[in-house]
């Protein structure tokens, strides 16, 4: 489903802002960046594991500081 935004009168700037917000919320740009090149499944799992460890460390640090 394509992302569309109606333009009312001369409100191109406002329509562009709404369009950018819709694209950001849909996650379309992140998906395009992710699919830019092929990543082998093992490498993808490794990257996800490292990201999970990083997020866990951040959460633990936030918990200690609170």
N, C-alpha and C. Protein backbone atom coordinates (compact mmCIF):
# COMPACT_ATOMS: atom_id res chain seq x y z
N UNK A 1 0.85 -1.18 0.00
CA UNK A 1 0.00 0.00 0.00
C UNK A 1 0.90 1.24 0.00
N UNK A 2 0.78 2.08 -1.01
CA UNK A 2 1.61 3.28 -1.07
C UNK A 2 1.15 4.32 -0.03
N UNK A 3 2.10 5.12 0.38
CA UNK A 3 1.81 6.18 1.35
C UNK A 3 1.41 7.42 0.56
N UNK A 4 0.22 7.94 0.83
CA UNK A 4 -0.26 9.13 0.13
C UNK A 4 -0.67 10.20 1.13
N UNK A 5 -0.51 11.44 0.72
CA UNK A 5 -0.91 12.58 1.54
C UNK A 5 -1.58 13.59 0.61
N UNK A 6 -2.82 13.97 0.90
CA UNK A 6 -3.47 14.98 0.05
C UNK A 6 -2.90 16.37 0.31
N UNK A 7 -2.77 17.14 -0.75
CA UNK A 7 -2.27 18.52 -0.64
C UNK A 7 -3.47 19.45 -0.74
N UNK A 8 -3.64 20.26 0.28
CA UNK A 8 -4.78 21.18 0.34
C UNK A 8 -4.32 22.59 -0.03
N UNK A 9 -4.82 23.10 -1.13
CA UNK A 9 -4.45 24.45 -1.56
C UNK A 9 -2.97 24.54 -1.87
N UNK A 10 -2.31 25.52 -1.26
CA UNK A 10 -0.87 25.69 -1.46
C UNK A 10 -0.06 25.13 -0.30
N UNK A 11 -0.64 24.21 0.46
CA UNK A 11 0.03 23.66 1.64
C UNK A 11 0.99 22.54 1.33
N UNK A 12 1.90 22.76 0.40
CA UNK A 12 2.86 21.73 0.02
C UNK A 12 3.81 21.43 1.17
N UNK A 13 4.25 22.45 1.87
CA UNK A 13 5.18 22.24 2.98
C UNK A 13 4.54 21.40 4.08
N UNK A 14 3.30 21.69 4.41
CA UNK A 14 2.61 20.93 5.45
C UNK A 14 2.39 19.49 4.99
N UNK A 15 2.05 19.31 3.72
CA UNK A 15 1.84 17.97 3.18
C UNK A 15 3.15 17.17 3.19
N UNK A 16 4.24 17.84 2.87
CA UNK A 16 5.55 17.17 2.89
C UNK A 16 5.91 16.73 4.31
N UNK A 17 5.60 17.58 5.28
CA UNK A 17 5.87 17.25 6.68
C UNK A 17 5.04 16.03 7.11
N UNK A 18 3.76 16.01 6.72
CA UNK A 18 2.90 14.87 7.05
C UNK A 18 3.41 13.60 6.37
N UNK A 19 3.86 13.74 5.12
CA UNK A 19 4.39 12.59 4.38
C UNK A 19 5.62 12.01 5.08
N UNK A 20 6.54 12.89 5.49
CA UNK A 20 7.75 12.43 6.17
C UNK A 20 7.40 11.72 7.48
N UNK A 21 6.41 12.25 8.20
CA UNK A 21 6.00 11.61 9.45
C UNK A 21 5.42 10.23 9.19
N UNK A 22 4.60 10.11 8.14
CA UNK A 22 4.00 8.81 7.82
C UNK A 22 5.06 7.80 7.43
N UNK A 23 6.05 8.24 6.64
CA UNK A 23 7.13 7.34 6.23
C UNK A 23 7.93 6.89 7.45
N UNK A 24 8.21 7.80 8.37
CA UNK A 24 8.98 7.46 9.56
C UNK A 24 8.20 6.47 10.44
N UNK A 25 6.91 6.69 10.61
CA UNK A 25 6.10 5.81 11.46
C UNK A 25 5.93 4.42 10.84
N UNK A 26 5.89 4.35 9.51
CA UNK A 26 5.68 3.06 8.85
C UNK A 26 6.93 2.20 8.88
N UNK A 27 8.11 2.79 9.08
CA UNK A 27 9.35 2.04 9.10
C UNK A 27 9.85 1.68 7.71
N UNK A 28 9.30 2.30 6.70
CA UNK A 28 9.65 2.00 5.31
C UNK A 28 11.11 2.32 5.01
N UNK A 29 11.59 3.44 5.48
CA UNK A 29 12.96 3.86 5.19
C UNK A 29 13.97 2.89 5.81
N UNK A 30 13.71 2.45 7.03
CA UNK A 30 14.60 1.49 7.68
C UNK A 30 14.63 0.17 6.95
N UNK A 31 13.49 -0.25 6.44
CA UNK A 31 13.42 -1.50 5.69
C UNK A 31 14.21 -1.39 4.39
N UNK A 32 14.11 -0.26 3.72
CA UNK A 32 14.85 -0.05 2.47
C UNK A 32 16.35 -0.08 2.76
N UNK A 33 16.78 0.59 3.83
CA UNK A 33 18.19 0.59 4.18
C UNK A 33 18.67 -0.82 4.53
N UNK A 34 17.83 -1.58 5.23
CA UNK A 34 18.20 -2.93 5.64
C UNK A 34 18.33 -3.86 4.43
N UNK A 35 17.49 -3.66 3.43
CA UNK A 35 17.51 -4.53 2.25
C UNK A 35 18.43 -4.02 1.15
N UNK A 36 19.21 -3.02 1.44
CA UNK A 36 20.10 -2.44 0.44
C UNK A 36 21.11 -3.48 -0.05
N UNK A 37 21.57 -4.34 0.84
CA UNK A 37 22.49 -5.40 0.45
C UNK A 37 22.12 -6.67 1.19
N UNK A 38 22.49 -7.80 0.63
CA UNK A 38 22.17 -9.09 1.24
C UNK A 38 23.09 -9.35 2.41
N UNK A 39 22.50 -9.78 3.51
CA UNK A 39 23.27 -10.15 4.70
C UNK A 39 22.99 -11.62 4.98
N UNK A 40 24.05 -12.40 5.09
CA UNK A 40 23.88 -13.82 5.32
C UNK A 40 23.17 -14.04 6.66
N UNK A 41 22.34 -15.10 6.75
CA UNK A 41 21.56 -15.33 7.97
C UNK A 41 22.40 -15.41 9.24
N UNK A 42 23.56 -16.06 9.17
CA UNK A 42 24.42 -16.16 10.36
C UNK A 42 24.93 -14.81 10.82
N UNK A 43 25.29 -13.96 9.87
CA UNK A 43 25.77 -12.62 10.20
C UNK A 43 24.64 -11.80 10.79
N UNK A 44 23.44 -11.94 10.22
CA UNK A 44 22.29 -11.20 10.72
C UNK A 44 21.98 -11.59 12.17
N UNK A 45 22.05 -12.89 12.47
CA UNK A 45 21.81 -13.35 13.85
C UNK A 45 22.86 -12.77 14.80
N UNK A 46 24.11 -12.74 14.34
CA UNK A 46 25.19 -12.20 15.17
C UNK A 46 24.97 -10.73 15.47
N UNK A 47 24.57 -9.96 14.46
CA UNK A 47 24.31 -8.53 14.64
C UNK A 47 23.16 -8.33 15.62
N UNK A 48 22.10 -9.14 15.48
CA UNK A 48 20.95 -9.02 16.40
C UNK A 48 21.36 -9.36 17.83
N UNK A 49 22.20 -10.40 17.99
CA UNK A 49 22.67 -10.77 19.33
C UNK A 49 23.47 -9.65 19.97
N UNK A 50 24.37 -9.04 19.19
CA UNK A 50 25.19 -7.95 19.70
C UNK A 50 24.33 -6.74 20.06
N UNK A 51 23.30 -6.46 19.24
CA UNK A 51 22.41 -5.35 19.55
C UNK A 51 21.62 -5.62 20.83
N UNK A 52 21.20 -6.88 21.03
CA UNK A 52 20.46 -7.23 22.23
C UNK A 52 21.34 -7.06 23.47
N UNK A 53 22.62 -7.48 23.37
CA UNK A 53 23.54 -7.31 24.50
C UNK A 53 23.73 -5.83 24.82
N UNK A 54 23.89 -5.02 23.76
CA UNK A 54 24.09 -3.58 23.95
C UNK A 54 22.88 -2.96 24.63
N UNK A 55 21.68 -3.35 24.17
CA UNK A 55 20.46 -2.80 24.77
C UNK A 55 20.31 -3.24 26.22
N UNK A 56 20.70 -4.49 26.52
CA UNK A 56 20.62 -4.98 27.90
C UNK A 56 21.57 -4.21 28.80
N UNK A 57 22.79 -3.93 28.29
CA UNK A 57 23.74 -3.14 29.09
C UNK A 57 23.21 -1.74 29.34
N UNK A 58 22.61 -1.13 28.31
CA UNK A 58 22.04 0.21 28.48
C UNK A 58 20.92 0.20 29.51
N UNK A 59 20.05 -0.81 29.43
CA UNK A 59 18.93 -0.90 30.38
C UNK A 59 19.44 -1.09 31.80
N UNK A 60 20.46 -1.93 31.96
CA UNK A 60 21.02 -2.16 33.30
C UNK A 60 21.65 -0.88 33.84
N UNK A 61 22.33 -0.15 32.98
CA UNK A 61 22.95 1.11 33.40
C UNK A 61 21.89 2.12 33.81
N UNK A 62 20.80 2.19 33.03
CA UNK A 62 19.71 3.12 33.37
C UNK A 62 19.08 2.72 34.71
N UNK A 63 18.95 1.40 34.94
CA UNK A 63 18.35 0.90 36.16
C UNK A 63 19.22 1.27 37.38
N UNK A 64 20.54 1.15 37.23
CA UNK A 64 21.44 1.49 38.33
C UNK A 64 21.41 2.98 38.66
N UNK A 65 21.27 3.81 37.61
CA UNK A 65 21.27 5.26 37.81
C UNK A 65 19.96 5.78 38.38
N UNK A 66 18.91 5.01 38.28
CA UNK A 66 17.60 5.47 38.78
C UNK A 66 17.44 5.32 40.25
